[in-house]
N, C-alpha and C. Protein backbone atom coordinates (compact mmCIF):
# COMPACT_ATOMS: atom_id res chain seq x y z
N MET A 1 -66.01 60.87 19.59
CA MET A 1 -64.62 60.01 19.22
C MET A 1 -63.10 60.10 18.94
N LEU A 2 -63.00 61.94 18.31
CA LEU A 2 -62.20 62.41 18.51
C LEU A 2 -61.14 62.11 19.74
N ILE A 3 -61.98 62.96 20.67
CA ILE A 3 -61.41 63.19 22.19
C ILE A 3 -61.10 61.79 22.45
N ASN A 4 -62.21 61.04 22.35
CA ASN A 4 -61.69 59.72 22.63
C ASN A 4 -60.20 58.53 22.07
N LYS A 5 -60.26 59.03 20.73
CA LYS A 5 -59.00 58.73 20.39
C LYS A 5 -58.02 59.63 20.47
N TRP A 6 -58.08 60.57 20.62
CA TRP A 6 -57.11 61.50 21.08
C TRP A 6 -56.04 61.07 23.36
N LEU A 7 -57.03 60.82 23.86
CA LEU A 7 -57.13 59.73 25.12
C LEU A 7 -56.39 58.32 25.20
N ALA A 8 -56.93 58.14 24.05
CA ALA A 8 -56.01 57.07 23.36
C ALA A 8 -54.64 56.53 23.60
N SER A 9 -54.82 57.64 22.80
CA SER A 9 -53.06 57.63 22.16
C SER A 9 -52.34 58.93 23.42
N ALA A 10 -52.89 59.46 24.11
CA ALA A 10 -51.87 60.04 25.40
C ALA A 10 -52.08 58.59 26.17
N LEU A 11 -53.26 58.35 26.60
CA LEU A 11 -52.78 57.33 27.52
C LEU A 11 -51.25 56.17 27.02
N LEU A 12 -51.38 55.39 25.68
CA LEU A 12 -50.25 54.42 25.25
C LEU A 12 -49.48 55.64 25.53
N MET A 13 -49.33 56.65 25.22
CA MET A 13 -47.58 57.47 25.29
C MET A 13 -47.37 56.93 26.85
N LEU A 14 -48.05 57.80 27.53
CA LEU A 14 -47.85 57.34 28.72
C LEU A 14 -47.14 56.02 29.76
N ILE A 15 -47.86 55.20 28.73
CA ILE A 15 -47.81 53.66 29.36
C ILE A 15 -45.80 53.94 28.60
N VAL A 16 -45.24 54.24 27.38
CA VAL A 16 -44.30 53.81 26.39
C VAL A 16 -43.57 54.37 27.20
N ASN A 17 -43.89 55.60 27.53
CA ASN A 17 -42.72 56.78 28.55
C ASN A 17 -42.60 55.86 29.58
N SER A 18 -42.97 55.87 30.47
CA SER A 18 -43.05 54.92 31.52
C SER A 18 -42.20 53.62 31.65
N ALA A 19 -42.32 52.95 30.71
CA ALA A 19 -41.29 51.84 30.41
C ALA A 19 -40.62 52.26 30.37
N VAL A 20 -40.54 52.85 29.54
CA VAL A 20 -39.01 53.63 28.86
C VAL A 20 -37.78 54.06 30.15
N PHE A 21 -38.73 54.26 31.29
CA PHE A 21 -37.84 55.21 32.86
C PHE A 21 -37.97 54.29 33.26
N ALA A 22 -38.32 53.72 33.48
CA ALA A 22 -38.20 52.41 35.02
C ALA A 22 -36.91 51.87 34.03
N GLN A 23 -36.62 51.90 32.80
CA GLN A 23 -34.95 50.99 32.76
C GLN A 23 -33.94 52.16 33.19
N LYS A 24 -34.23 53.22 33.71
CA LYS A 24 -33.54 54.22 33.76
C LYS A 24 -33.27 53.83 35.57
N ASP A 25 -31.90 53.06 35.94
CA ASP A 25 -32.18 52.68 37.06
C ASP A 25 -31.93 54.20 38.10
N GLN A 26 -32.38 54.79 39.02
CA GLN A 26 -31.62 55.84 39.54
C GLN A 26 -30.94 55.50 40.63
N GLN A 27 -30.59 54.74 41.35
CA GLN A 27 -29.18 53.85 41.49
C GLN A 27 -27.72 54.38 40.94
N ALA A 28 -27.70 53.46 39.47
CA ALA A 28 -27.19 53.31 39.06
C ALA A 28 -26.18 54.89 38.27
N GLU A 29 -27.94 55.26 37.95
CA GLU A 29 -27.06 56.97 37.64
C GLU A 29 -26.27 57.83 38.12
N THR A 30 -26.94 57.83 39.67
CA THR A 30 -25.95 58.60 40.45
C THR A 30 -24.95 58.04 40.00
N ILE A 31 -24.47 56.63 40.18
CA ILE A 31 -23.25 56.11 40.12
C ILE A 31 -22.60 56.49 38.80
N LEU A 32 -22.97 56.76 38.12
CA LEU A 32 -22.44 56.81 36.65
C LEU A 32 -21.77 58.29 36.34
N ASN A 33 -23.26 59.01 37.46
CA ASN A 33 -22.55 60.74 37.06
C ASN A 33 -21.62 60.75 38.29
N ASN A 34 -21.53 60.33 39.24
CA ASN A 34 -20.51 60.79 39.37
C ASN A 34 -19.34 60.08 39.36
N VAL A 35 -18.93 59.33 38.62
CA VAL A 35 -17.57 58.36 38.10
C VAL A 35 -17.09 59.73 37.16
N SER A 36 -18.57 60.10 36.45
CA SER A 36 -18.46 61.11 34.98
C SER A 36 -17.81 62.48 35.51
N GLU A 37 -18.32 63.03 36.34
CA GLU A 37 -18.09 64.18 37.21
C GLU A 37 -16.25 64.38 37.57
N ARG A 38 -16.15 63.20 38.55
CA ARG A 38 -14.81 62.95 39.21
C ARG A 38 -13.69 62.80 37.20
N TYR A 39 -13.80 62.02 37.15
CA TYR A 39 -13.29 61.34 35.58
C TYR A 39 -13.13 63.46 34.94
N GLN A 40 -14.10 64.14 34.50
CA GLN A 40 -13.76 65.37 34.25
C GLN A 40 -13.03 66.87 35.18
N SER A 41 -13.25 65.98 36.44
CA SER A 41 -11.95 66.85 37.25
C SER A 41 -11.05 66.70 36.66
N LEU A 42 -10.12 65.62 36.23
CA LEU A 42 -8.95 65.39 36.52
C LEU A 42 -8.15 66.22 35.61
N SER A 43 -6.81 66.32 35.81
CA SER A 43 -6.45 66.99 34.97
C SER A 43 -5.39 65.91 34.23
N GLY A 44 -5.43 64.70 34.30
CA GLY A 44 -5.21 63.74 33.47
C GLY A 44 -5.15 62.03 34.42
N LEU A 45 -5.28 60.98 33.74
CA LEU A 45 -5.18 59.57 33.58
C LEU A 45 -4.11 58.99 33.01
N THR A 46 -3.46 58.23 33.85
CA THR A 46 -2.92 56.75 33.06
C THR A 46 -3.16 55.72 33.84
N ALA A 47 -2.96 54.92 32.78
CA ALA A 47 -3.34 53.41 33.37
C ALA A 47 -2.22 52.24 32.33
N THR A 48 -2.23 50.94 33.04
CA THR A 48 -1.76 50.47 32.42
C THR A 48 -3.29 48.92 32.48
N PHE A 49 -2.99 48.24 31.69
CA PHE A 49 -4.25 47.54 31.13
C PHE A 49 -3.94 46.16 30.72
N GLU A 50 -5.11 45.10 31.23
CA GLU A 50 -4.68 43.93 30.32
C GLU A 50 -6.64 44.03 29.78
N TYR A 51 -6.62 43.27 28.16
CA TYR A 51 -7.71 43.19 27.50
C TYR A 51 -7.87 41.51 26.41
N THR A 52 -9.32 41.05 26.81
CA THR A 52 -9.14 39.48 26.08
C THR A 52 -10.65 39.87 25.48
N TYR A 53 -10.28 38.52 24.65
CA TYR A 53 -12.03 38.45 23.65
C TYR A 53 -11.74 37.38 23.87
N SER A 54 -12.83 36.53 23.77
CA SER A 54 -13.82 35.53 23.69
C SER A 54 -14.68 35.46 22.85
N THR A 55 -15.25 34.03 22.89
CA THR A 55 -16.12 33.93 22.37
C THR A 55 -17.47 33.48 22.86
N SER A 56 -17.10 32.71 24.31
CA SER A 56 -18.52 32.39 24.75
C SER A 56 -17.68 32.48 26.40
N PRO A 57 -18.97 32.36 27.76
CA PRO A 57 -18.10 32.59 28.71
C PRO A 57 -17.35 31.29 29.29
N GLY A 58 -17.26 30.52 28.74
CA GLY A 58 -16.02 29.42 29.19
C GLY A 58 -15.35 29.46 28.39
N ASP A 59 -14.62 30.07 27.56
CA ASP A 59 -13.68 30.47 26.49
C ASP A 59 -12.66 31.22 26.82
N VAL A 60 -11.65 30.59 26.91
CA VAL A 60 -10.01 31.20 27.86
C VAL A 60 -9.74 31.82 26.80
N ALA A 61 -9.22 33.04 26.96
CA ALA A 61 -8.68 33.86 26.26
C ALA A 61 -7.35 34.13 26.02
N GLU A 62 -6.38 34.25 25.19
CA GLU A 62 -5.19 35.00 25.79
C GLU A 62 -5.03 36.08 25.91
N LYS A 63 -4.38 36.57 27.11
CA LYS A 63 -4.57 38.20 27.78
C LYS A 63 -3.51 38.69 26.77
N SER A 64 -4.03 40.26 26.68
CA SER A 64 -2.29 40.95 26.42
C SER A 64 -2.57 42.01 26.77
N THR A 65 -1.55 43.06 27.19
CA THR A 65 -1.49 44.68 27.72
C THR A 65 -1.81 45.26 27.17
N GLY A 66 -1.31 47.05 27.76
CA GLY A 66 -1.55 48.25 26.89
C GLY A 66 -1.16 49.13 28.02
N GLN A 67 -1.07 50.35 27.91
CA GLN A 67 -1.43 51.58 28.07
C GLN A 67 -2.08 52.65 27.09
N VAL A 68 -2.55 53.30 28.26
CA VAL A 68 -3.52 54.29 28.21
C VAL A 68 -3.88 55.49 28.59
N SER A 69 -3.54 57.02 28.01
CA SER A 69 -3.27 58.32 28.42
C SER A 69 -4.89 59.15 28.29
N VAL A 70 -5.67 59.71 28.99
CA VAL A 70 -6.88 60.06 28.91
C VAL A 70 -6.81 61.33 29.55
N LYS A 71 -7.37 62.83 28.83
CA LYS A 71 -7.46 64.09 29.41
C LYS A 71 -8.88 64.79 28.48
N GLY A 72 -9.73 64.40 29.39
CA GLY A 72 -11.08 65.23 28.59
C GLY A 72 -11.01 64.69 27.31
N ASP A 73 -11.42 65.21 26.25
CA ASP A 73 -11.49 64.01 24.86
C ASP A 73 -10.63 63.38 24.23
N LYS A 74 -9.27 63.74 24.69
CA LYS A 74 -8.09 63.29 23.96
C LYS A 74 -7.32 62.34 25.10
N TYR A 75 -6.90 61.47 24.03
CA TYR A 75 -6.83 60.12 24.63
C TYR A 75 -5.45 59.60 23.54
N LYS A 76 -4.41 58.74 24.12
CA LYS A 76 -3.23 58.07 23.77
C LYS A 76 -3.26 56.56 24.05
N LEU A 77 -3.73 55.68 23.58
CA LEU A 77 -3.59 54.22 23.87
C LEU A 77 -2.31 53.60 22.62
N THR A 78 -1.95 52.75 23.69
CA THR A 78 -0.42 51.86 22.85
C THR A 78 -0.48 50.49 23.49
N LEU A 79 -0.64 50.30 22.17
CA LEU A 79 -0.68 48.26 22.04
C LEU A 79 1.11 47.57 21.49
N ASN A 80 0.75 46.85 21.42
CA ASN A 80 1.56 45.85 21.58
C ASN A 80 2.35 46.32 20.07
N ASP A 81 1.41 46.64 18.67
CA ASP A 81 2.34 46.68 17.28
C ASP A 81 1.78 48.27 16.84
N GLN A 82 0.77 49.41 17.67
CA GLN A 82 0.64 50.21 17.01
C GLN A 82 0.53 51.33 18.20
N GLU A 83 0.18 52.36 18.22
CA GLU A 83 0.32 53.14 19.06
C GLU A 83 -0.94 54.76 18.57
N ILE A 84 -2.07 54.44 18.67
CA ILE A 84 -3.22 56.07 18.63
C ILE A 84 -3.18 56.74 19.54
N TYR A 85 -3.72 58.20 18.61
CA TYR A 85 -3.15 59.63 19.14
C TYR A 85 -4.44 60.15 19.47
N ASN A 86 -4.61 60.62 19.67
CA ASN A 86 -6.29 61.50 19.32
C ASN A 86 -6.30 62.99 20.50
N ASN A 87 -5.84 63.91 19.56
CA ASN A 87 -5.97 65.36 20.59
C ASN A 87 -7.50 65.89 20.52
N GLY A 88 -8.79 65.13 19.78
CA GLY A 88 -9.84 65.78 19.80
C GLY A 88 -10.52 66.39 18.53
N LYS A 89 -9.40 66.49 17.65
CA LYS A 89 -9.47 67.36 16.33
C LYS A 89 -8.96 65.69 15.30
N THR A 90 -7.81 65.56 15.92
CA THR A 90 -7.51 64.76 14.52
C THR A 90 -6.79 63.35 15.52
N VAL A 91 -6.76 62.13 14.84
CA VAL A 91 -6.76 61.21 15.17
C VAL A 91 -5.30 60.40 14.24
N TRP A 92 -4.01 59.68 14.96
CA TRP A 92 -3.19 59.42 14.40
C TRP A 92 -2.75 58.19 14.75
N THR A 93 -2.69 56.99 13.79
CA THR A 93 -2.99 55.36 14.09
C THR A 93 -1.41 55.17 13.86
N TYR A 94 -0.52 54.69 14.58
CA TYR A 94 0.80 54.56 14.22
C TYR A 94 1.00 52.94 14.19
N ILE A 95 1.69 52.58 13.20
CA ILE A 95 1.50 51.22 13.29
C ILE A 95 2.97 50.76 13.13
N LYS A 96 3.66 49.90 13.92
CA LYS A 96 5.11 49.32 13.90
C LYS A 96 5.59 48.26 13.97
N SER A 97 6.29 48.10 13.43
CA SER A 97 6.91 46.30 13.02
C SER A 97 8.04 46.40 12.41
N ASN A 98 8.87 45.35 12.23
CA ASN A 98 9.49 45.01 12.02
C ASN A 98 10.70 45.55 10.67
N ASN A 99 9.33 45.13 10.49
CA ASN A 99 9.42 45.85 8.81
C ASN A 99 9.58 46.84 7.71
N PHE A 100 8.25 47.72 8.71
CA PHE A 100 7.68 49.15 8.21
C PHE A 100 7.07 50.10 9.45
N LYS A 101 7.18 51.01 9.04
CA LYS A 101 6.63 51.92 10.14
C LYS A 101 6.47 53.04 9.74
N GLU A 102 4.12 53.36 9.29
CA GLU A 102 3.72 54.10 9.06
C GLU A 102 2.20 54.38 10.12
N VAL A 103 1.99 55.47 9.89
CA VAL A 103 1.47 56.53 10.65
C VAL A 103 0.15 57.39 9.85
N THR A 104 -1.16 56.70 9.66
CA THR A 104 -2.47 57.11 9.04
C THR A 104 -3.04 58.35 9.94
N ILE A 105 -3.32 59.69 9.13
CA ILE A 105 -4.05 60.85 10.34
C ILE A 105 -5.10 60.65 9.74
N ASN A 106 -6.17 61.00 10.50
CA ASN A 106 -7.59 61.02 9.89
C ASN A 106 -8.10 62.14 10.96
N SER A 107 -9.08 62.78 9.96
CA SER A 107 -10.32 63.77 11.03
C SER A 107 -11.17 62.96 12.04
N VAL A 108 -11.40 63.67 13.15
CA VAL A 108 -11.90 62.71 14.36
C VAL A 108 -13.55 62.89 13.73
N GLU A 109 -13.72 61.42 13.95
CA GLU A 109 -15.71 61.57 13.41
C GLU A 109 -16.03 61.60 14.30
N HIS A 110 -16.72 62.26 15.28
CA HIS A 110 -17.69 62.01 16.23
C HIS A 110 -18.73 60.54 16.72
N ASN A 111 -18.58 59.79 16.19
CA ASN A 111 -19.82 58.58 15.81
C ASN A 111 -20.08 58.21 17.26
N ALA A 112 -21.88 58.15 17.52
CA ALA A 112 -22.82 58.32 18.11
C ALA A 112 -22.32 56.53 18.99
N ASP A 113 -22.52 55.73 18.25
CA ASP A 113 -21.95 54.34 18.38
C ASP A 113 -20.11 53.66 18.57
N GLU A 114 -19.05 54.67 18.51
CA GLU A 114 -18.08 54.25 18.56
C GLU A 114 -17.45 54.97 20.22
N LEU A 115 -16.13 53.75 20.00
CA LEU A 115 -16.10 53.81 22.17
C LEU A 115 -14.82 53.61 21.91
N THR A 116 -14.67 54.86 22.94
CA THR A 116 -13.21 55.30 22.92
C THR A 116 -12.79 55.49 24.49
N PRO A 117 -11.18 55.20 24.68
CA PRO A 117 -11.14 55.76 26.20
C PRO A 117 -11.46 57.15 26.61
N SER A 118 -12.02 57.60 26.29
CA SER A 118 -11.64 58.94 26.36
C SER A 118 -13.84 58.72 26.60
N ASN A 119 -14.60 58.57 25.98
CA ASN A 119 -15.79 58.77 25.76
C ASN A 119 -16.39 57.45 26.60
N ILE A 120 -15.84 56.51 27.29
CA ILE A 120 -15.89 54.98 27.67
C ILE A 120 -17.10 55.62 29.83
N TYR A 121 -16.59 57.06 29.57
CA TYR A 121 -17.11 57.53 31.31
C TYR A 121 -18.07 58.27 31.06
N ASN A 122 -19.31 59.08 29.37
CA ASN A 122 -19.92 58.73 29.76
C ASN A 122 -21.19 58.70 28.46
N ILE A 123 -20.42 57.41 27.89
CA ILE A 123 -20.77 56.75 27.05
C ILE A 123 -22.24 56.30 27.80
N TYR A 124 -23.06 56.18 28.96
CA TYR A 124 -24.17 55.44 29.49
C TYR A 124 -24.88 57.28 29.06
N LYS A 125 -24.45 58.17 28.36
CA LYS A 125 -25.88 59.08 28.65
C LYS A 125 -25.92 59.56 26.89
N ARG A 126 -25.77 58.20 26.33
CA ARG A 126 -26.08 58.33 24.74
C ARG A 126 -26.58 57.12 24.47
N GLY A 127 -28.19 57.07 24.05
CA GLY A 127 -28.84 55.41 23.91
C GLY A 127 -28.81 54.49 24.73
N TYR A 128 -28.24 54.35 26.22
CA TYR A 128 -27.77 53.09 26.56
C TYR A 128 -29.79 53.28 28.12
N ASN A 129 -30.18 52.22 28.33
CA ASN A 129 -30.76 52.15 29.88
C ASN A 129 -29.43 51.20 30.04
N TYR A 130 -29.63 51.96 31.48
CA TYR A 130 -28.80 51.33 32.88
C TYR A 130 -29.34 50.47 34.09
N LYS A 131 -28.66 49.95 34.99
CA LYS A 131 -29.03 49.42 35.84
C LYS A 131 -28.31 48.19 36.92
N LEU A 132 -27.94 48.82 38.02
CA LEU A 132 -26.94 48.15 38.69
C LEU A 132 -27.44 46.74 39.34
N LEU A 133 -26.40 46.27 38.96
CA LEU A 133 -26.23 44.61 39.18
C LEU A 133 -25.93 44.26 40.30
N GLY A 134 -25.05 44.76 41.07
CA GLY A 134 -24.46 44.32 42.74
C GLY A 134 -23.71 44.88 43.31
N GLU A 135 -23.17 44.39 43.98
CA GLU A 135 -21.78 44.54 44.23
C GLU A 135 -20.36 42.95 44.73
N LYS A 136 -19.14 43.59 44.26
CA LYS A 136 -18.56 42.21 44.97
C LYS A 136 -16.80 42.52 45.38
N GLN A 137 -16.63 42.04 46.35
CA GLN A 137 -15.25 41.97 46.45
C GLN A 137 -14.02 41.79 45.27
N GLN A 138 -13.34 42.79 45.31
CA GLN A 138 -12.28 41.65 44.29
C GLN A 138 -10.80 42.82 44.61
N ASN A 139 -9.67 41.84 45.26
CA ASN A 139 -8.80 41.84 45.75
C ASN A 139 -8.82 43.39 46.61
N GLY A 140 -9.87 42.96 47.72
CA GLY A 140 -10.10 44.20 48.94
C GLY A 140 -10.83 44.79 48.77
N VAL A 141 -11.06 45.04 46.59
CA VAL A 141 -11.95 46.25 46.57
C VAL A 141 -13.77 46.45 46.48
N THR A 142 -14.51 46.74 47.30
CA THR A 142 -15.71 47.19 46.38
C THR A 142 -16.14 47.25 45.45
N VAL A 143 -16.72 46.26 44.52
CA VAL A 143 -16.44 47.10 43.02
C VAL A 143 -18.36 46.91 42.86
N GLN A 144 -18.68 47.87 41.98
CA GLN A 144 -19.91 48.31 41.53
C GLN A 144 -20.15 47.38 40.32
N GLU A 145 -21.24 46.56 40.13
CA GLU A 145 -21.37 46.32 38.73
C GLU A 145 -22.18 46.77 38.07
N ILE A 146 -22.53 47.70 37.28
CA ILE A 146 -23.32 48.82 36.26
C ILE A 146 -23.65 47.93 34.80
N GLU A 147 -24.59 47.54 34.45
CA GLU A 147 -24.59 46.88 33.07
C GLU A 147 -25.58 47.97 32.07
N LEU A 148 -25.17 48.66 31.37
CA LEU A 148 -26.00 49.82 30.10
C LEU A 148 -26.08 48.23 28.86
N SER A 149 -27.76 48.96 28.49
CA SER A 149 -28.76 48.32 26.99
C SER A 149 -28.44 48.96 26.49
N ALA A 150 -28.55 48.60 25.07
CA ALA A 150 -28.73 50.03 24.14
C ALA A 150 -30.48 49.95 23.81
N GLU A 151 -30.45 50.93 23.59
CA GLU A 151 -32.07 51.05 22.86
C GLU A 151 -31.92 51.26 22.13
N ARG A 152 -31.13 51.35 21.02
CA ARG A 152 -31.51 50.61 19.36
C ARG A 152 -30.88 49.30 19.11
N ARG A 153 -31.79 48.70 18.23
CA ARG A 153 -31.63 47.17 18.42
C ARG A 153 -29.96 47.44 16.98
N ASN A 154 -29.92 48.15 16.38
CA ASN A 154 -29.08 48.23 15.20
C ASN A 154 -27.63 48.96 15.99
N SER A 155 -27.67 49.57 17.81
CA SER A 155 -26.57 49.63 18.37
C SER A 155 -25.06 48.94 17.84
N GLN A 156 -23.94 49.22 17.97
CA GLN A 156 -23.21 48.62 17.59
C GLN A 156 -22.78 47.76 18.84
N PHE A 157 -22.87 47.94 19.67
CA PHE A 157 -22.76 47.73 21.23
C PHE A 157 -23.29 47.42 22.29
N GLN A 158 -24.31 45.95 21.74
CA GLN A 158 -25.93 45.78 23.17
C GLN A 158 -25.52 46.07 24.33
N ARG A 159 -24.79 45.79 24.73
CA ARG A 159 -24.82 45.54 26.50
C ARG A 159 -22.63 45.51 26.63
N ILE A 160 -22.88 46.67 27.76
CA ILE A 160 -21.85 47.18 27.87
C ILE A 160 -21.57 47.19 30.02
N LYS A 161 -20.69 46.30 30.48
CA LYS A 161 -20.94 46.43 31.57
C LYS A 161 -19.26 47.09 32.34
N LEU A 162 -20.04 48.41 33.18
CA LEU A 162 -18.89 48.97 34.21
C LEU A 162 -18.33 48.35 34.87
N PHE A 163 -17.21 48.30 35.48
CA PHE A 163 -17.05 47.62 37.03
C PHE A 163 -16.20 48.86 37.79
N ILE A 164 -16.95 49.30 38.55
CA ILE A 164 -16.33 50.83 39.59
C ILE A 164 -15.76 50.35 40.95
N ASP A 165 -14.90 51.07 41.14
CA ASP A 165 -14.14 51.14 42.61
C ASP A 165 -15.66 51.76 43.50
N LYS A 166 -16.44 51.39 43.98
CA LYS A 166 -17.22 52.08 45.06
C LYS A 166 -16.36 53.42 45.80
N SER A 167 -15.37 53.04 46.53
CA SER A 167 -15.03 54.23 47.25
C SER A 167 -13.91 55.00 46.82
N GLN A 168 -13.25 55.16 45.39
CA GLN A 168 -12.69 55.71 44.73
C GLN A 168 -13.83 56.72 43.35
N MET A 169 -14.66 55.80 43.26
CA MET A 169 -15.64 56.50 42.10
C MET A 169 -14.75 56.62 40.49
N ASP A 170 -13.70 55.58 40.53
CA ASP A 170 -12.81 54.96 39.35
C ASP A 170 -13.42 53.71 38.89
N LEU A 171 -13.68 53.99 37.73
CA LEU A 171 -13.82 53.30 36.06
C LEU A 171 -12.78 52.06 36.10
N ILE A 172 -12.27 50.78 36.59
CA ILE A 172 -11.17 50.20 37.23
C ILE A 172 -11.47 48.78 35.36
N GLY A 173 -12.56 48.88 34.71
CA GLY A 173 -12.41 47.80 34.18
C GLY A 173 -14.05 47.85 32.96
N TRP A 174 -14.32 47.18 32.30
CA TRP A 174 -15.22 46.85 31.23
C TRP A 174 -15.20 46.02 30.37
N GLU A 175 -16.06 45.28 29.63
CA GLU A 175 -17.15 44.43 29.25
C GLU A 175 -17.92 44.56 28.45
N ILE A 176 -17.43 44.58 27.22
CA ILE A 176 -18.75 45.17 25.55
C ILE A 176 -19.00 43.64 25.13
N GLN A 177 -19.88 43.31 24.79
CA GLN A 177 -20.04 42.97 23.85
C GLN A 177 -20.91 42.55 22.35
N ASP A 178 -20.34 41.88 21.40
CA ASP A 178 -20.27 42.59 20.45
C ASP A 178 -21.35 41.88 19.49
N GLU A 179 -21.79 41.84 18.21
CA GLU A 179 -22.95 41.64 17.41
C GLU A 179 -23.00 39.87 17.31
N MET A 180 -21.55 39.22 17.44
CA MET A 180 -21.55 37.87 17.52
C MET A 180 -21.40 37.38 18.66
N GLY A 181 -21.84 37.61 19.90
CA GLY A 181 -21.87 36.99 20.95
C GLY A 181 -20.75 37.22 21.66
N GLY A 182 -19.87 37.66 21.35
CA GLY A 182 -18.13 38.00 21.74
C GLY A 182 -17.90 38.82 23.28
N ILE A 183 -17.32 38.64 23.84
CA ILE A 183 -16.63 39.26 24.66
C ILE A 183 -15.33 40.02 25.01
N PHE A 184 -14.95 41.55 24.79
CA PHE A 184 -14.24 42.23 24.98
C PHE A 184 -14.11 42.74 26.50
N SER A 185 -12.83 42.07 27.30
CA SER A 185 -12.94 42.56 28.42
C SER A 185 -11.72 43.54 28.89
N TYR A 186 -11.72 44.60 29.73
CA TYR A 186 -10.80 45.06 29.64
C TYR A 186 -10.45 45.65 31.33
N ARG A 187 -9.20 45.28 31.62
CA ARG A 187 -9.31 45.68 33.89
C ARG A 187 -8.08 46.46 33.70
N PHE A 188 -7.92 48.00 33.70
CA PHE A 188 -6.92 48.37 34.70
C PHE A 188 -6.15 48.05 35.46
N ARG A 189 -5.08 48.35 35.73
CA ARG A 189 -3.85 47.40 36.35
C ARG A 189 -3.37 48.31 37.17
N GLU A 190 -3.01 49.44 37.24
CA GLU A 190 -2.39 50.42 37.35
C GLU A 190 -2.71 51.53 36.89
N ILE A 191 -3.81 52.30 37.98
CA ILE A 191 -3.99 54.13 37.92
C ILE A 191 -3.78 55.20 38.67
N ASN A 192 -3.39 56.21 37.76
CA ASN A 192 -2.78 56.85 38.00
C ASN A 192 -3.66 58.51 38.07
N THR A 193 -4.39 58.95 38.51
CA THR A 193 -5.56 60.27 38.31
C THR A 193 -4.84 61.21 38.60
N GLN A 194 -3.67 61.35 38.91
CA GLN A 194 -2.61 62.82 39.54
C GLN A 194 -1.87 63.25 38.03
N ALA A 195 -2.29 62.54 36.98
CA ALA A 195 -1.07 62.92 36.35
C ALA A 195 -1.07 64.00 35.53
N ASN A 196 -0.58 65.06 34.82
CA ASN A 196 -0.54 65.83 34.39
C ASN A 196 0.24 65.97 32.94
N LEU A 197 -0.98 65.94 32.21
CA LEU A 197 -0.43 65.75 30.82
C LEU A 197 -1.10 67.03 29.64
N PRO A 198 0.11 67.11 29.39
CA PRO A 198 0.05 68.39 28.53
C PRO A 198 -0.32 67.88 26.97
N ASP A 199 -0.73 68.47 26.47
CA ASP A 199 -1.59 68.84 25.15
C ASP A 199 -0.87 67.63 24.34
N GLY A 200 0.70 68.42 24.15
CA GLY A 200 1.11 67.36 23.39
C GLY A 200 1.56 66.31 23.23
N HIS A 201 1.02 65.72 24.48
CA HIS A 201 1.44 63.98 24.68
C HIS A 201 0.22 63.55 23.70
N PHE A 202 -1.11 63.76 22.94
CA PHE A 202 -2.01 63.45 22.48
C PHE A 202 -1.65 63.57 20.67
N VAL A 203 -0.59 64.03 20.54
CA VAL A 203 0.17 64.06 19.28
C VAL A 203 1.01 63.51 19.01
N PHE A 204 0.84 63.24 17.63
CA PHE A 204 2.19 62.42 17.37
C PHE A 204 2.78 62.80 16.28
N ASP A 205 4.01 63.79 16.90
CA ASP A 205 4.88 64.67 16.12
C ASP A 205 5.76 63.94 15.18
N THR A 206 5.19 63.97 13.26
CA THR A 206 5.73 63.23 12.36
C THR A 206 7.59 64.36 12.19
N GLN A 207 7.36 65.30 12.17
CA GLN A 207 8.41 65.99 12.70
C GLN A 207 9.92 64.70 13.18
N LYS A 208 9.26 64.58 14.20
CA LYS A 208 10.37 63.97 14.94
C LYS A 208 10.75 62.36 14.96
N HIS A 209 9.61 62.32 13.61
CA HIS A 209 9.88 60.68 13.04
C HIS A 209 9.58 60.44 11.49
N PRO A 210 10.91 61.26 10.74
CA PRO A 210 11.64 61.39 9.49
C PRO A 210 11.60 59.85 8.74
N ASP A 211 11.64 58.67 9.78
CA ASP A 211 12.24 57.36 8.88
C ASP A 211 10.26 56.50 9.01
N VAL A 212 9.31 57.39 9.41
CA VAL A 212 8.02 56.81 9.15
C VAL A 212 7.32 57.29 7.56
N GLU A 213 6.48 56.62 7.45
CA GLU A 213 5.71 57.06 5.82
C GLU A 213 4.52 57.42 6.82
N VAL A 214 3.98 58.78 6.58
CA VAL A 214 2.56 59.81 6.61
C VAL A 214 1.37 59.27 5.39
N ILE A 215 0.78 58.56 5.93
CA ILE A 215 -0.35 58.77 5.05
C ILE A 215 -1.83 59.62 5.71
N ASP A 216 -2.12 60.47 4.75
CA ASP A 216 -3.00 61.65 5.39
C ASP A 216 -4.02 61.60 4.31
N LEU A 217 -5.47 61.21 4.94
CA LEU A 217 -6.46 61.01 4.91
C LEU A 217 -7.88 62.23 5.18
N ARG A 218 -7.11 62.89 5.86
CA ARG A 218 -7.57 65.05 6.18
C ARG A 218 -8.29 65.19 5.20
């Protein structure tokens, strides 16, 4: 009787594990690994990008633009009214407007659910299934579309779509679906994968900004 129960339990585990494994598309994994390895080999990456938010597929959202620099686990993100510096240990959030300027300093917290310009290249390794949806032509470039789906129901991002330049193995954009069904869309417009970025590029130097209020929360 005990043997039968053990066999039944083992068979159930085999079925469950096979079902999970089947959700890992081998072709998609190969592409993602190639993109991740290429990114890790770079001395720096800079890009301009457009980003939008829409609440439904037919919704026309207003576009905004920004700039990003990435090197390993470091990044600098420049938006209309703020800049974010992250050197892998400390993050500076610099808010600027006509009325005031302030920078908030925090220690970096490595949250598995957090999505940043540096970990987007490796997010697929942490609690996601993935599959290749297909290819399409975009401005004369063959783009591969890969969908990531969260393994956990309480993940902050349930679905992420990555768009990859097939010939260059460059990530050129992504879409994120939030818990309300809204879609964040990011598209790189100019990419420089030959940038040589010093570590100081990812640090906000408060000594050079004496007019900025500093809020240190470390």
